Amino acid sequence: MPRTRSELRRLTVLLAAVGFALALLAVPLAAQEADAPEAAPATETEPAAGTDGGLDTGESGEASGEAPGGDAPAGEAIPDATPVETPAPPALSLEEALERIVELEDELALLRAERDAMEEESLAILDEISRLTEAAEVSESARQVAEAESALRAAEIVALEAQVEELETRIAGLEAARGAAGSSVTSTFDIDRSIFTETLKSGFSGARPLMGTWALSSSTVAQTDPRQYFSRLSLALAQERKPVLYAFSVKAGAEGWVGAGLHFFVSGVRSERGYGEGKSLLFWLTRDPKARGSGATWLQLYRSDDDVNMERVLDAKLEKGIAEWRRVEILYDPAAEFVAVAVDGQVKAAYRTFFGLGSGVSVSLRTLGSGVSFKDFSAKTTK
């Protein structure tokens, strides 16, 4: 299980205390084995007082309520660790930066798994040391071996923590570079709407409510249940391996935690009440004053792997909120594995997915909280 650096320091202190106790036990045991005529009187020593270092916590990228979880942020620096000076990474293109981030995240996951396994092993060794200490018939050499193994594992954990911290620093730097490159792309890229001449869907006819309370009309739909955080309105829509331009207008309530979005290229849904939506991509607009500390609206993109697991892959702040109608356009090209999002006619996000979805059988509107309305939905593709 994951441990904080504060816990690791306590683990080191505990190992030292155990070693001290075992050293005290070794003297009377050795005396008994030598049949000494008199045992030396035990001296009482007052244990040294220790201090437990504080742990600095930071805001998680998954702080907003719409995400199921995520990796914990890096904690405070290890006091006794030697800083590692890492040279600045070379300038990367947007595609190279994204590919490198994927590689680093995989490496980070492997290191964390290895670290957690070693922490579990260290705890098991500590339990073994306690058992050996309590058993009077055990030999001194066995206790020493257990102590040495435990100390070795503790040192390995500290080394792994340093490697994980270094990787997280490198990932943060690449993500910053990716954001800068993405800003450059969105400032120059525009959606060529003229090529999308074949209409796949227009309006909300045939829409099927899955969760939530929906008021339906031909051009407008609204979700009115304030207690519903996973509402879904599904529309059957065949999406092949061609670019699709989705467009709709959306508005939410003026206050509180709200969310609105669109699952597209949906396939493989098994549970209509799951957190995810089969295999799909989710465009999401959210406002969460409690988690974010402000009433700003954020544009996000999620990858849904199944009905349970979703991962946020893009997060961008919008200048204007969703208390008023906003016109949203989402261009997804499954062949190029590329998605671009425009709000009120201006591209706000462009992303290379690296997890292209070749086809879909439906789309679904999704909301969180009440007061969310959609109108003028359409989906178009090229000839």
Protein backbone atom coordinates (compact mmCIF):
# COMPACT_ATOMS: atom_id res chain seq x y z
CA MET A 1 0.00 0.00 0.00
CA PRO A 2 1.30 3.57 -0.65
CA ARG A 3 3.21 5.22 2.19
CA THR A 4 3.99 8.88 2.81
CA ARG A 5 7.55 10.00 3.48
CA SER A 6 6.47 10.78 7.08
CA GLU A 7 5.54 7.11 7.47
CA LEU A 8 8.87 6.03 5.96
CA ARG A 9 10.74 8.16 8.51
CA ARG A 10 8.68 6.56 11.30
CA LEU A 11 9.59 3.16 9.78
CA THR A 12 13.31 4.04 9.99
CA VAL A 13 12.93 5.17 13.62
CA LEU A 14 11.10 1.92 14.41
CA LEU A 15 13.90 -0.15 12.84
CA ALA A 16 16.46 1.68 14.95
CA ALA A 17 14.39 1.07 18.11
CA VAL A 18 14.06 -2.63 17.31
CA GLY A 19 17.79 -2.92 16.75
CA PHE A 20 18.45 -1.23 20.10
CA ALA A 21 16.04 -3.59 21.87
CA LEU A 22 17.63 -6.64 20.29
CA ALA A 23 21.06 -5.48 21.33
CA LEU A 24 19.84 -5.30 24.95
CA LEU A 25 18.36 -8.80 24.66
CA ALA A 26 21.63 -10.22 23.33
CA VAL A 27 23.52 -9.60 26.61
CA PRO A 28 21.29 -11.63 28.96
CA LEU A 29 20.89 -14.40 26.36
CA ALA A 30 24.65 -14.71 25.96
CA ALA A 31 25.06 -14.73 29.75
CA GLN A 32 22.54 -17.55 30.13
CA GLU A 33 24.31 -19.66 27.50
CA ALA A 34 27.68 -19.25 29.31
CA ASP A 35 26.14 -20.29 32.71
CA ALA A 36 27.44 -17.15 34.38
CA PRO A 37 27.10 -17.36 38.23
CA GLU A 38 25.56 -13.92 38.54
CA ALA A 39 23.47 -11.87 36.15
CA ALA A 40 24.39 -8.24 35.84
CA PRO A 41 21.61 -6.00 37.17
CA ALA A 42 19.51 -4.49 34.42
CA THR A 43 19.82 -0.76 34.01
CA GLU A 44 16.82 1.28 33.06
CA THR A 45 17.28 3.80 30.31
CA GLU A 46 14.81 6.48 29.35
CA PRO A 47 13.94 6.26 25.65
CA ALA A 48 14.99 9.24 23.60
CA ALA A 49 12.13 11.47 22.56
CA GLY A 50 11.55 11.63 18.81
CA THR A 51 9.73 14.05 16.57
CA ASP A 52 7.47 13.24 13.69
CA GLY A 53 8.06 15.48 10.68
CA GLY A 54 5.05 17.18 9.09
CA LEU A 55 3.78 16.32 5.64
CA ASP A 56 3.04 19.06 3.11
CA THR A 57 0.05 18.25 0.95
CA GLY A 58 -0.72 19.80 -2.42
CA GLU A 59 -3.77 20.09 -4.65
CA SER A 60 -4.37 16.95 -6.66
CA GLY A 61 -5.09 17.05 -10.32
CA GLU A 62 -8.08 14.88 -9.47
CA ALA A 63 -9.45 17.19 -6.83
CA SER A 64 -12.63 17.90 -8.77
CA GLY A 65 -15.45 15.53 -7.86
CA GLU A 66 -15.93 14.22 -11.36
CA ALA A 67 -12.79 12.08 -11.36
CA PRO A 68 -12.76 8.64 -9.68
CA GLY A 69 -9.28 8.98 -8.27
CA GLY A 70 -5.70 9.31 -9.24
CA ASP A 71 -2.16 9.25 -8.08
CA ALA A 72 -1.38 11.20 -4.99
CA PRO A 73 0.79 14.32 -5.46
CA ALA A 74 4.45 14.24 -4.51
CA GLY A 75 5.01 15.06 -0.81
CA GLU A 76 7.75 17.01 0.90
CA ALA A 77 11.39 16.50 -0.10
CA ILE A 78 13.37 13.81 1.76
CA PRO A 79 15.47 15.78 4.32
CA ASP A 80 18.57 13.57 4.07
CA ALA A 81 18.45 12.94 0.33
CA THR A 82 21.13 14.42 -1.91
CA PRO A 83 19.50 16.66 -4.56
CA VAL A 84 19.87 15.35 -8.10
CA GLU A 85 20.61 18.00 -10.66
CA THR A 86 18.84 16.98 -13.86
CA PRO A 87 19.78 18.83 -17.05
CA ALA A 88 16.96 20.66 -18.78
CA PRO A 89 15.22 18.37 -21.31
CA PRO A 90 15.66 19.25 -24.99
CA ALA A 91 12.87 21.08 -26.75
CA LEU A 92 10.21 18.64 -27.93
CA SER A 93 7.41 18.86 -30.41
CA LEU A 94 3.87 18.40 -29.11
CA GLU A 95 3.75 14.82 -30.42
CA GLU A 96 7.17 13.96 -28.94
CA ALA A 97 6.21 15.46 -25.60
CA LEU A 98 2.98 13.47 -25.44
CA GLU A 99 4.76 10.24 -26.35
CA ARG A 100 7.42 10.88 -23.71
CA ILE A 101 4.79 11.57 -21.06
CA VAL A 102 3.16 8.22 -21.79
CA GLU A 103 6.54 6.49 -21.41
CA LEU A 104 7.31 8.27 -18.14
CA GLU A 105 3.88 7.55 -16.70
CA ASP A 106 4.36 3.84 -17.44
CA GLU A 107 7.81 3.93 -15.83
CA LEU A 108 6.39 5.79 -12.84
CA ALA A 109 3.64 3.20 -12.38
CA LEU A 110 6.23 0.38 -12.40
CA LEU A 111 8.40 2.15 -9.84
CA ARG A 112 5.46 2.81 -7.57
CA ALA A 113 4.39 -0.82 -7.77
CA GLU A 114 7.93 -1.91 -6.90
CA ARG A 115 8.08 0.56 -4.03
CA ASP A 116 4.75 -0.62 -2.62
CA ALA A 117 5.85 -4.26 -2.83
CA MET A 118 9.02 -3.43 -0.92
CA GLU A 119 7.05 -1.57 1.73
CA GLU A 120 4.86 -4.63 2.22
CA GLU A 121 7.97 -6.81 2.45
CA SER A 122 9.49 -4.47 5.04
CA LEU A 123 6.35 -4.67 7.17
CA ALA A 124 6.45 -8.46 6.96
CA ILE A 125 10.10 -8.43 8.05
CA LEU A 126 9.24 -6.18 11.01
CA ASP A 127 6.56 -8.65 12.07
CA GLU A 128 9.12 -11.44 11.81
CA ILE A 129 11.58 -9.48 13.95
CA SER A 130 8.93 -9.06 16.64
CA ARG A 131 8.19 -12.78 16.60
CA LEU A 132 11.87 -13.67 16.82
CA THR A 133 12.45 -11.26 19.67
CA GLU A 134 9.65 -12.78 21.71
CA ALA A 135 10.85 -16.37 21.17
CA ALA A 136 13.46 -17.17 23.82
CA GLU A 137 14.73 -20.25 22.00
CA VAL A 138 15.63 -18.41 18.79
CA SER A 139 19.27 -17.90 17.97
CA GLU A 140 20.98 -14.53 17.92
CA SER A 141 22.17 -15.06 14.32
CA ALA A 142 18.61 -15.40 13.01
CA ARG A 143 17.65 -12.12 14.60
CA GLN A 144 20.66 -10.41 13.07
CA VAL A 145 19.79 -11.69 9.62
CA ALA A 146 16.22 -10.40 9.95
CA GLU A 147 17.50 -7.01 11.11
CA ALA A 148 19.89 -6.75 8.18
CA GLU A 149 17.20 -7.67 5.66
CA SER A 150 14.80 -5.12 7.12
CA ALA A 151 17.42 -2.35 7.07
CA LEU A 152 18.25 -3.20 3.44
CA ARG A 153 14.60 -2.98 2.41
CA ALA A 154 14.20 0.36 4.18
CA ALA A 155 17.20 1.75 2.29
CA GLU A 156 15.76 0.47 -1.00
CA ILE A 157 12.44 2.18 -0.26
CA VAL A 158 14.19 5.52 0.33
CA ALA A 159 16.09 5.13 -2.94
CA LEU A 160 12.89 4.32 -4.83
CA GLU A 161 11.14 7.34 -3.31
CA ALA A 162 13.93 9.55 -4.64
CA GLN A 163 13.56 8.01 -8.11
CA VAL A 164 9.79 8.48 -8.04
CA GLU A 165 10.16 12.12 -7.00
CA GLU A 166 12.63 12.73 -9.83
CA LEU A 167 10.26 11.14 -12.36
CA GLU A 168 7.32 13.21 -11.12
CA THR A 169 9.41 16.37 -11.52
CA ARG A 170 10.29 15.39 -15.07
CA ILE A 171 6.65 14.60 -15.88
CA ALA A 172 5.54 17.97 -14.51
CA GLY A 173 8.07 19.69 -16.74
CA LEU A 174 6.91 17.79 -19.82
CA GLU A 175 3.27 18.51 -19.03
CA ALA A 176 4.12 22.21 -18.82
CA ALA A 177 5.84 21.94 -22.20
CA ARG A 178 2.85 20.11 -23.58
CA GLY A 179 0.56 22.87 -22.33
CA ALA A 180 2.71 25.54 -23.97
CA ALA A 181 2.79 23.60 -27.23
CA GLY A 182 -0.96 23.02 -27.02
CA SER A 183 -1.56 26.74 -26.53
CA SER A 184 0.48 27.42 -29.64
CA VAL A 185 -1.58 24.90 -31.60
CA THR A 186 -4.93 26.29 -30.47
CA SER A 187 -3.87 29.84 -31.34
CA THR A 188 -3.18 28.88 -34.96
CA PHE A 189 -5.47 25.91 -35.62
CA ASP A 190 -9.07 26.29 -36.77
CA ILE A 191 -11.80 23.83 -37.70
CA ASP A 192 -12.64 23.72 -41.40
CA ARG A 193 -16.39 23.42 -41.08
CA SER A 194 -16.96 23.54 -44.84
CA ILE A 195 -15.84 19.93 -45.37
CA PHE A 196 -18.47 18.46 -43.02
CA THR A 197 -21.35 18.24 -45.46
CA GLU A 198 -22.97 14.90 -44.55
CA THR A 199 -25.38 15.09 -41.59
CA LEU A 200 -25.43 12.04 -39.32
CA LYS A 201 -27.82 13.42 -36.71
CA SER A 202 -29.76 16.64 -36.09
CA GLY A 203 -31.82 17.34 -32.99
CA PHE A 204 -32.81 14.98 -30.19
CA SER A 205 -35.42 12.77 -31.83
CA GLY A 206 -35.19 9.19 -30.58
CA ALA A 207 -33.20 10.19 -27.49
CA ARG A 208 -33.40 7.63 -24.67
CA PRO A 209 -33.01 8.77 -21.01
CA LEU A 210 -30.75 6.39 -19.07
CA MET A 211 -30.31 8.24 -15.77
CA GLY A 212 -31.73 11.53 -14.48
CA THR A 213 -34.97 13.40 -15.07
CA TRP A 214 -35.08 14.78 -18.61
CA ALA A 215 -37.50 17.21 -20.24
CA LEU A 216 -37.36 16.57 -24.00
CA SER A 217 -38.35 18.58 -27.05
CA SER A 218 -37.27 18.45 -30.68
CA SER A 219 -34.48 21.01 -30.29
CA THR A 220 -33.89 21.30 -26.50
CA VAL A 221 -33.37 18.89 -23.60
CA ALA A 222 -32.92 19.65 -19.89
CA GLN A 223 -31.92 17.57 -16.85
CA THR A 224 -33.77 18.78 -13.73
CA ASP A 225 -32.76 16.44 -10.87
CA PRO A 226 -30.22 18.25 -8.60
CA ARG A 227 -29.30 14.97 -6.85
CA GLN A 228 -28.26 13.21 -10.05
CA TYR A 229 -24.50 13.16 -10.65
CA PHE A 230 -24.36 10.57 -13.45
CA SER A 231 -27.31 11.45 -15.69
CA ARG A 232 -27.24 10.12 -19.22
CA LEU A 233 -29.29 10.76 -22.38
CA SER A 234 -28.37 8.36 -25.19
CA LEU A 235 -28.77 8.83 -28.94
CA ALA A 236 -28.14 6.02 -31.40
CA LEU A 237 -25.55 7.17 -33.91
CA ALA A 238 -23.32 5.09 -36.19
CA GLN A 239 -19.81 6.58 -36.28
CA GLU A 240 -17.29 5.04 -38.65
CA ARG A 241 -13.59 5.66 -39.20
CA LYS A 242 -14.15 9.14 -40.60
CA PRO A 243 -13.86 12.59 -38.98
CA VAL A 244 -17.00 13.72 -37.15
CA LEU A 245 -17.92 17.25 -36.11
CA TYR A 246 -20.33 17.38 -33.16
CA ALA A 247 -22.03 20.68 -32.32
CA PHE A 248 -24.47 21.78 -29.61
CA SER A 249 -25.23 24.63 -27.24
CA VAL A 250 -25.12 24.09 -23.48
CA LYS A 251 -26.00 26.06 -20.35
CA ALA A 252 -25.92 25.18 -16.62
CA GLY A 253 -27.19 26.75 -13.40
CA ALA A 254 -25.59 29.93 -12.10
CA GLU A 255 -24.26 28.53 -8.82
CA GLY A 256 -22.66 25.47 -7.28
CA TRP A 257 -21.12 22.28 -8.60
CA VAL A 258 -22.32 21.44 -12.10
CA GLY A 259 -21.11 19.56 -15.12
CA ALA A 260 -22.18 18.93 -18.70
CA GLY A 261 -20.66 17.02 -21.56
CA LEU A 262 -20.83 14.54 -24.40
CA HIS A 263 -19.66 10.92 -24.69
CA PHE A 264 -18.86 10.20 -28.34
CA PHE A 265 -17.69 7.20 -30.37
CA VAL A 266 -19.39 5.02 -27.74
CA SER A 267 -19.25 1.21 -27.99
CA GLY A 268 -19.21 -1.82 -25.70
CA VAL A 269 -21.58 -0.48 -23.02
CA ARG A 270 -22.59 -3.25 -20.60
CA SER A 271 -24.09 -1.23 -17.74
CA GLU A 272 -26.18 1.83 -18.45
CA ARG A 273 -25.62 3.03 -14.88
CA GLY A 274 -21.82 2.88 -14.84
CA TYR A 275 -19.44 5.74 -14.16
CA GLY A 276 -17.90 5.34 -17.59
CA GLU A 277 -19.62 4.76 -20.92
CA GLY A 278 -18.08 1.65 -22.44
CA LYS A 279 -15.22 2.57 -24.76
CA SER A 280 -15.62 6.25 -25.59
CA LEU A 281 -14.27 9.77 -25.24
CA LEU A 282 -15.95 12.28 -22.95
CA PHE A 283 -15.90 16.04 -23.50
CA TRP A 284 -16.75 17.72 -20.19
CA LEU A 285 -17.40 21.25 -18.90
CA THR A 286 -17.37 21.58 -15.13
CA ARG A 287 -17.60 24.19 -12.40
CA ASP A 288 -16.62 23.08 -8.89
CA PRO A 289 -16.03 26.06 -6.54
CA LYS A 290 -15.29 23.87 -3.50
CA ALA A 291 -12.60 21.79 -5.16
CA ARG A 292 -11.12 24.50 -7.40
CA GLY A 293 -11.43 27.46 -5.03
CA SER A 294 -13.18 29.58 -7.67
CA GLY A 295 -16.28 29.67 -9.83
CA ALA A 296 -14.31 29.22 -13.06
CA THR A 297 -15.39 26.74 -15.72
CA TRP A 298 -12.95 24.05 -16.86
CA LEU A 299 -12.87 22.15 -20.13
CA GLN A 300 -11.78 18.54 -19.76
CA LEU A 301 -11.35 15.42 -21.88
CA TYR A 302 -11.65 11.89 -20.49
CA ARG A 303 -10.89 8.49 -21.94
CA SER A 304 -13.45 5.87 -20.91
CA ASP A 305 -12.07 2.32 -21.01
CA ASP A 306 -15.25 0.59 -19.82
CA ASP A 307 -18.31 1.24 -17.66
CA VAL A 308 -16.18 1.70 -14.53
CA ASN A 309 -12.81 3.20 -15.44
CA MET A 310 -12.23 6.68 -16.86
CA GLU A 311 -9.05 8.76 -16.98
CA ARG A 312 -8.77 12.52 -17.43
CA VAL A 313 -6.27 13.40 -20.16
CA LEU A 314 -6.84 17.15 -20.67
CA ASP A 315 -7.74 20.05 -18.38
CA ALA A 316 -8.03 23.68 -19.53
CA LYS A 317 -9.56 26.75 -17.90
CA LEU A 318 -12.12 28.77 -19.86
CA GLU A 319 -12.42 32.53 -19.71
CA LYS A 320 -16.22 32.42 -19.77
CA GLY A 321 -18.48 30.23 -17.65
CA ILE A 322 -21.48 28.05 -18.50
CA ALA A 323 -24.12 30.06 -16.67
CA GLU A 324 -24.95 31.38 -20.17
CA TRP A 325 -25.39 29.50 -23.44
CA ARG A 326 -22.09 28.36 -24.96
CA ARG A 327 -21.75 26.92 -28.45
CA VAL A 328 -19.54 23.84 -28.42
CA GLU A 329 -17.94 22.13 -31.43
CA ILE A 330 -15.96 18.91 -31.09
CA LEU A 331 -13.94 17.58 -34.02
CA TYR A 332 -12.69 14.00 -33.68
CA ASP A 333 -10.65 12.26 -36.36
CA PRO A 334 -10.27 8.57 -35.38
CA ALA A 335 -7.72 7.86 -38.12
CA ALA A 336 -5.41 10.68 -37.04
CA GLU A 337 -6.26 10.10 -33.36
CA PHE A 338 -6.83 13.82 -32.94
CA VAL A 339 -9.54 15.83 -31.15
CA ALA A 340 -10.11 19.60 -31.16
CA VAL A 341 -12.70 21.56 -29.17
CA ALA A 342 -14.04 25.01 -30.01
CA VAL A 343 -16.19 27.13 -27.69
CA ASP A 344 -18.13 30.02 -29.18
CA GLY A 345 -16.25 29.60 -32.45
CA GLN A 346 -12.71 29.64 -31.01
CA VAL A 347 -10.56 26.51 -30.62
CA LYS A 348 -9.78 26.04 -26.92
CA ALA A 349 -8.12 22.64 -26.88
CA ALA A 350 -6.37 20.33 -29.32
CA TYR A 351 -5.13 16.90 -28.29
CA ARG A 352 -3.47 13.86 -29.87
CA THR A 353 -5.23 10.98 -28.16
CA PHE A 354 -2.92 7.99 -28.83
CA PHE A 355 -5.93 5.78 -28.07
CA GLY A 356 -8.03 6.15 -31.19
CA LEU A 357 -11.49 4.62 -31.31
CA GLY A 358 -12.28 3.23 -34.75
CA SER A 359 -16.06 3.24 -34.53
CA GLY A 360 -19.02 3.95 -32.29
CA VAL A 361 -22.70 3.07 -32.13
CA SER A 362 -24.04 5.93 -30.00
CA VAL A 363 -23.39 9.23 -28.27
CA SER A 364 -24.76 10.36 -24.94
CA LEU A 365 -25.25 13.71 -23.25
CA ARG A 366 -24.16 13.69 -19.63
CA THR A 367 -24.80 16.06 -16.72
CA LEU A 368 -23.94 16.58 -13.08
CA GLY A 369 -26.40 18.49 -10.87
CA SER A 370 -29.44 20.43 -12.02
CA GLY A 371 -30.12 23.29 -14.37
CA VAL A 372 -28.25 21.81 -17.34
CA SER A 373 -29.81 22.26 -20.80
CA PHE A 374 -28.72 21.39 -24.34
CA LYS A 375 -30.04 22.60 -27.67
CA ASP A 376 -29.36 22.49 -31.41
CA PHE A 377 -27.42 19.22 -31.45
CA SER A 378 -25.89 17.98 -34.69
CA ALA A 379 -23.27 15.50 -35.86
CA LYS A 380 -21.70 15.78 -39.32
CA THR A 381 -19.01 13.96 -41.25
CA THR A 382 -17.15 14.26 -44.52
CA LYS A 383 -18.09 12.59 -47.80
